[in-house]
Amino acid sequence: MNSIKKALLGIALLMAGGSAYGGGDALVGQQKATVCAACHGTTGINTFETAQAPIIGGQYADYIVRALKDYKSGKRENPVMKGLVASLSEQDMEDLAAYFAGQDGLAAPQITNP
């Protein structure tokens, strides 16, 4: 009986740990990402010749959430990002991260003139 409890506890911990950044909804994140498209492109892969924003499409969700939190707290400094993330909730960040993490960031973007 004791081993069954341990097994169930282990499964519960694995499930909880695996969803630490899995709470985002990619479809909701796609709707919230319209503002991001101006610099990062609609899929997080900017194709603008003058773009200086990093490619975030295909990036790990936990990295995106951490970066957004760091911009919001001031740990990472960028005046544009600080203003954009100021009103984001943690759920907003997780939704955006789920959307961008689901994009194919491995393909090299084709640079175009805006």
C-alpha atoms as a PDB file:
ATOM      1  CA  MET A   1       0.000   0.000   0.000  1.00  0.00           C
ATOM      2  CA  ASN A   2       2.818   2.377   0.840  1.00  0.00           C
ATOM      3  CA  SER A   3       4.431   1.832  -2.581  1.00  0.00           C
ATOM      4  CA  ILE A   4       1.139   2.628  -4.328  1.00  0.00           C
ATOM      5  CA  LYS A   5       0.933   5.954  -2.481  1.00  0.00           C
ATOM      6  CA  LYS A   6       4.518   6.751  -3.447  1.00  0.00           C
ATOM      7  CA  ALA A   7       3.827   5.897  -7.084  1.00  0.00           C
ATOM      8  CA  LEU A   8       0.731   8.094  -7.165  1.00  0.00           C
ATOM      9  CA  LEU A   9       2.614  10.923  -5.499  1.00  0.00           C
ATOM     10  CA  GLY A  10       5.414  10.561  -8.052  1.00  0.00           C
ATOM     11  CA  ILE A  11       2.958  10.705 -10.943  1.00  0.00           C
ATOM     12  CA  ALA A  12       1.266  13.761  -9.454  1.00  0.00           C
ATOM     13  CA  LEU A  13       4.613  15.530  -9.062  1.00  0.00           C
ATOM     14  CA  LEU A  14       5.618  14.715 -12.631  1.00  0.00           C
ATOM     15  CA  MET A  15       2.344  16.051 -13.952  1.00  0.00           C
ATOM     16  CA  ALA A  16       2.620  19.240 -11.902  1.00  0.00           C
ATOM     17  CA  GLY A  17       6.245  19.774 -12.858  1.00  0.00           C
ATOM     18  CA  GLY A  18       5.555  19.255 -16.522  1.00  0.00           C
ATOM     19  CA  SER A  19       2.887  21.931 -16.530  1.00  0.00           C
ATOM     20  CA  ALA A  20       4.894  24.680 -14.867  1.00  0.00           C
ATOM     21  CA  TYR A  21       4.892  26.670 -18.116  1.00  0.00           C
ATOM     22  CA  GLY A  22       2.275  24.524 -19.788  1.00  0.00           C
ATOM     23  CA  GLY A  23      -0.560  26.695 -18.485  1.00  0.00           C
ATOM     24  CA  GLY A  24      -0.575  28.836 -21.599  1.00  0.00           C
ATOM     25  CA  ASP A  25      -3.194  28.646 -24.321  1.00  0.00           C
ATOM     26  CA  ALA A  26      -1.594  29.019 -27.754  1.00  0.00           C
ATOM     27  CA  LEU A  27      -4.834  30.118 -29.441  1.00  0.00           C
ATOM     28  CA  VAL A  28      -5.377  32.863 -26.883  1.00  0.00           C
ATOM     29  CA  GLY A  29      -1.687  33.746 -27.155  1.00  0.00           C
ATOM     30  CA  GLN A  30      -2.021  34.143 -30.922  1.00  0.00           C
ATOM     31  CA  GLN A  31      -4.749  36.743 -30.387  1.00  0.00           C
ATOM     32  CA  LYS A  32      -2.641  38.562 -27.802  1.00  0.00           C
ATOM     33  CA  ALA A  33       0.431  38.475 -30.076  1.00  0.00           C
ATOM     34  CA  THR A  34      -0.864  41.016 -32.586  1.00  0.00           C
ATOM     35  CA  VAL A  35       1.070  43.777 -30.803  1.00  0.00           C
ATOM     36  CA  CYS A  36       4.238  41.647 -30.885  1.00  0.00           C
ATOM     37  CA  ALA A  37       4.029  41.271 -34.674  1.00  0.00           C
ATOM     38  CA  ALA A  38       5.200  44.831 -35.322  1.00  0.00           C
ATOM     39  CA  CYS A  39       8.728  43.945 -34.205  1.00  0.00           C
ATOM     40  CA  HIS A  40       8.879  40.160 -33.919  1.00  0.00           C
ATOM     41  CA  GLY A  41       6.714  39.204 -36.914  1.00  0.00           C
ATOM     42  CA  THR A  42       3.396  37.357 -36.758  1.00  0.00           C
ATOM     43  CA  THR A  43       5.026  34.027 -35.928  1.00  0.00           C
ATOM     44  CA  GLY A  44       7.879  35.430 -33.866  1.00  0.00           C
ATOM     45  CA  ILE A  45      10.256  35.352 -36.821  1.00  0.00           C
ATOM     46  CA  ASN A  46      10.743  38.891 -38.051  1.00  0.00           C
ATOM     47  CA  THR A  47      11.383  39.261 -41.753  1.00  0.00           C
ATOM     48  CA  PHE A  48      11.865  43.005 -41.817  1.00  0.00           C
ATOM     49  CA  GLU A  49      15.234  44.184 -43.076  1.00  0.00           C
ATOM     50  CA  THR A  50      15.500  46.806 -40.339  1.00  0.00           C
ATOM     51  CA  ALA A  51      14.158  44.642 -37.508  1.00  0.00           C
ATOM     52  CA  GLN A  52      16.349  44.379 -34.465  1.00  0.00           C
ATOM     53  CA  ALA A  53      13.987  42.285 -32.360  1.00  0.00           C
ATOM     54  CA  PRO A  54      15.129  38.739 -31.636  1.00  0.00           C
ATOM     55  CA  ILE A  55      13.462  35.720 -33.195  1.00  0.00           C
ATOM     56  CA  ILE A  56      11.145  34.271 -30.563  1.00  0.00           C
ATOM     57  CA  GLY A  57       9.221  31.816 -32.740  1.00  0.00           C
ATOM     58  CA  GLY A  58      10.191  28.296 -31.685  1.00  0.00           C
ATOM     59  CA  GLN A  59      11.876  29.507 -28.484  1.00  0.00           C
ATOM     60  CA  TYR A  60      11.268  27.548 -25.281  1.00  0.00           C
ATOM     61  CA  ALA A  61       8.110  28.686 -23.488  1.00  0.00           C
ATOM     62  CA  ASP A  62       9.829  28.933 -20.106  1.00  0.00           C
ATOM     63  CA  TYR A  63      12.493  31.202 -21.621  1.00  0.00           C
ATOM     64  CA  ILE A  64       9.830  33.512 -23.094  1.00  0.00           C
ATOM     65  CA  VAL A  65       7.945  33.705 -19.789  1.00  0.00           C
ATOM     66  CA  ARG A  66      11.178  34.441 -17.888  1.00  0.00           C
ATOM     67  CA  ALA A  67      12.165  37.153 -20.383  1.00  0.00           C
ATOM     68  CA  LEU A  68       8.746  38.815 -20.164  1.00  0.00           C
ATOM     69  CA  LYS A  69       8.844  38.743 -16.363  1.00  0.00           C
ATOM     70  CA  ASP A  70      12.367  40.182 -16.396  1.00  0.00           C
ATOM     71  CA  TYR A  71      11.291  43.033 -18.694  1.00  0.00           C
ATOM     72  CA  LYS A  72       8.333  43.739 -16.433  1.00  0.00           C
ATOM     73  CA  SER A  73      10.459  43.773 -13.262  1.00  0.00           C
ATOM     74  CA  GLY A  74      13.243  45.818 -14.862  1.00  0.00           C
ATOM     75  CA  LYS A  75      15.813  43.017 -14.570  1.00  0.00           C
ATOM     76  CA  ARG A  76      16.090  43.188 -18.375  1.00  0.00           C
ATOM     77  CA  GLU A  77      16.148  46.683 -19.771  1.00  0.00           C
ATOM     78  CA  ASN A  78      14.396  47.721 -22.951  1.00  0.00           C
ATOM     79  CA  PRO A  79      12.066  50.734 -22.880  1.00  0.00           C
ATOM     80  CA  VAL A  80       9.794  49.372 -25.626  1.00  0.00           C
ATOM     81  CA  MET A  81       9.402  45.948 -24.012  1.00  0.00           C
ATOM     82  CA  LYS A  82       8.986  47.436 -20.527  1.00  0.00           C
ATOM     83  CA  GLY A  83       6.035  49.472 -21.759  1.00  0.00           C
ATOM     84  CA  LEU A  84       4.487  46.543 -23.603  1.00  0.00           C
ATOM     85  CA  VAL A  85       4.702  44.059 -20.728  1.00  0.00           C
ATOM     86  CA  ALA A  86       3.618  46.472 -17.997  1.00  0.00           C
ATOM     87  CA  SER A  87      -0.028  45.401 -18.210  1.00  0.00           C
ATOM     88  CA  LEU A  88       0.552  41.694 -18.921  1.00  0.00           C
ATOM     89  CA  SER A  89      -0.623  39.200 -16.332  1.00  0.00           C
ATOM     90  CA  GLU A  90       1.274  35.974 -15.717  1.00  0.00           C
ATOM     91  CA  GLN A  91      -1.445  34.147 -17.685  1.00  0.00           C
ATOM     92  CA  ASP A  92      -0.962  36.572 -20.597  1.00  0.00           C
ATOM     93  CA  MET A  93       2.755  35.771 -20.553  1.00  0.00           C
ATOM     94  CA  GLU A  94       2.111  32.029 -20.503  1.00  0.00           C
ATOM     95  CA  ASP A  95      -0.384  32.325 -23.373  1.00  0.00           C
ATOM     96  CA  LEU A  96       2.084  34.313 -25.477  1.00  0.00           C
ATOM     97  CA  ALA A  97       4.856  31.858 -24.642  1.00  0.00           C
ATOM     98  CA  ALA A  98       2.677  28.894 -25.641  1.00  0.00           C
ATOM     99  CA  TYR A  99       1.915  30.522 -28.993  1.00  0.00           C
ATOM    100  CA  PHE A 100       5.477  31.513 -29.860  1.00  0.00           C
ATOM    101  CA  ALA A 101       6.965  28.239 -28.590  1.00  0.00           C
ATOM    102  CA  GLY A 102       4.659  26.386 -30.968  1.00  0.00           C
ATOM    103  CA  GLN A 103       6.037  28.184 -34.025  1.00  0.00           C
ATOM    104  CA  ASP A 104       8.770  26.816 -36.260  1.00  0.00           C
ATOM    105  CA  GLY A 105      11.767  28.914 -35.352  1.00  0.00           C
ATOM    106  CA  LEU A 106      14.284  26.686 -37.080  1.00  0.00           C
ATOM    107  CA  ALA A 107      13.650  27.918 -40.609  1.00  0.00           C
ATOM    108  CA  ALA A 108      15.835  30.827 -41.654  1.00  0.00           C
ATOM    109  CA  PRO A 109      13.664  33.874 -42.349  1.00  0.00           C
ATOM    110  CA  GLN A 110      13.621  35.497 -45.753  1.00  0.00           C
ATOM    111  CA  ILE A 111      14.407  39.196 -45.313  1.00  0.00           C
ATOM    112  CA  THR A 112      12.023  41.540 -47.063  1.00  0.00           C
ATOM    113  CA  ASN A 113      11.611  45.282 -47.217  1.00  0.00           C
ATOM    114  CA  PRO A 114       8.570  46.552 -45.314  1.00  0.00           C
END
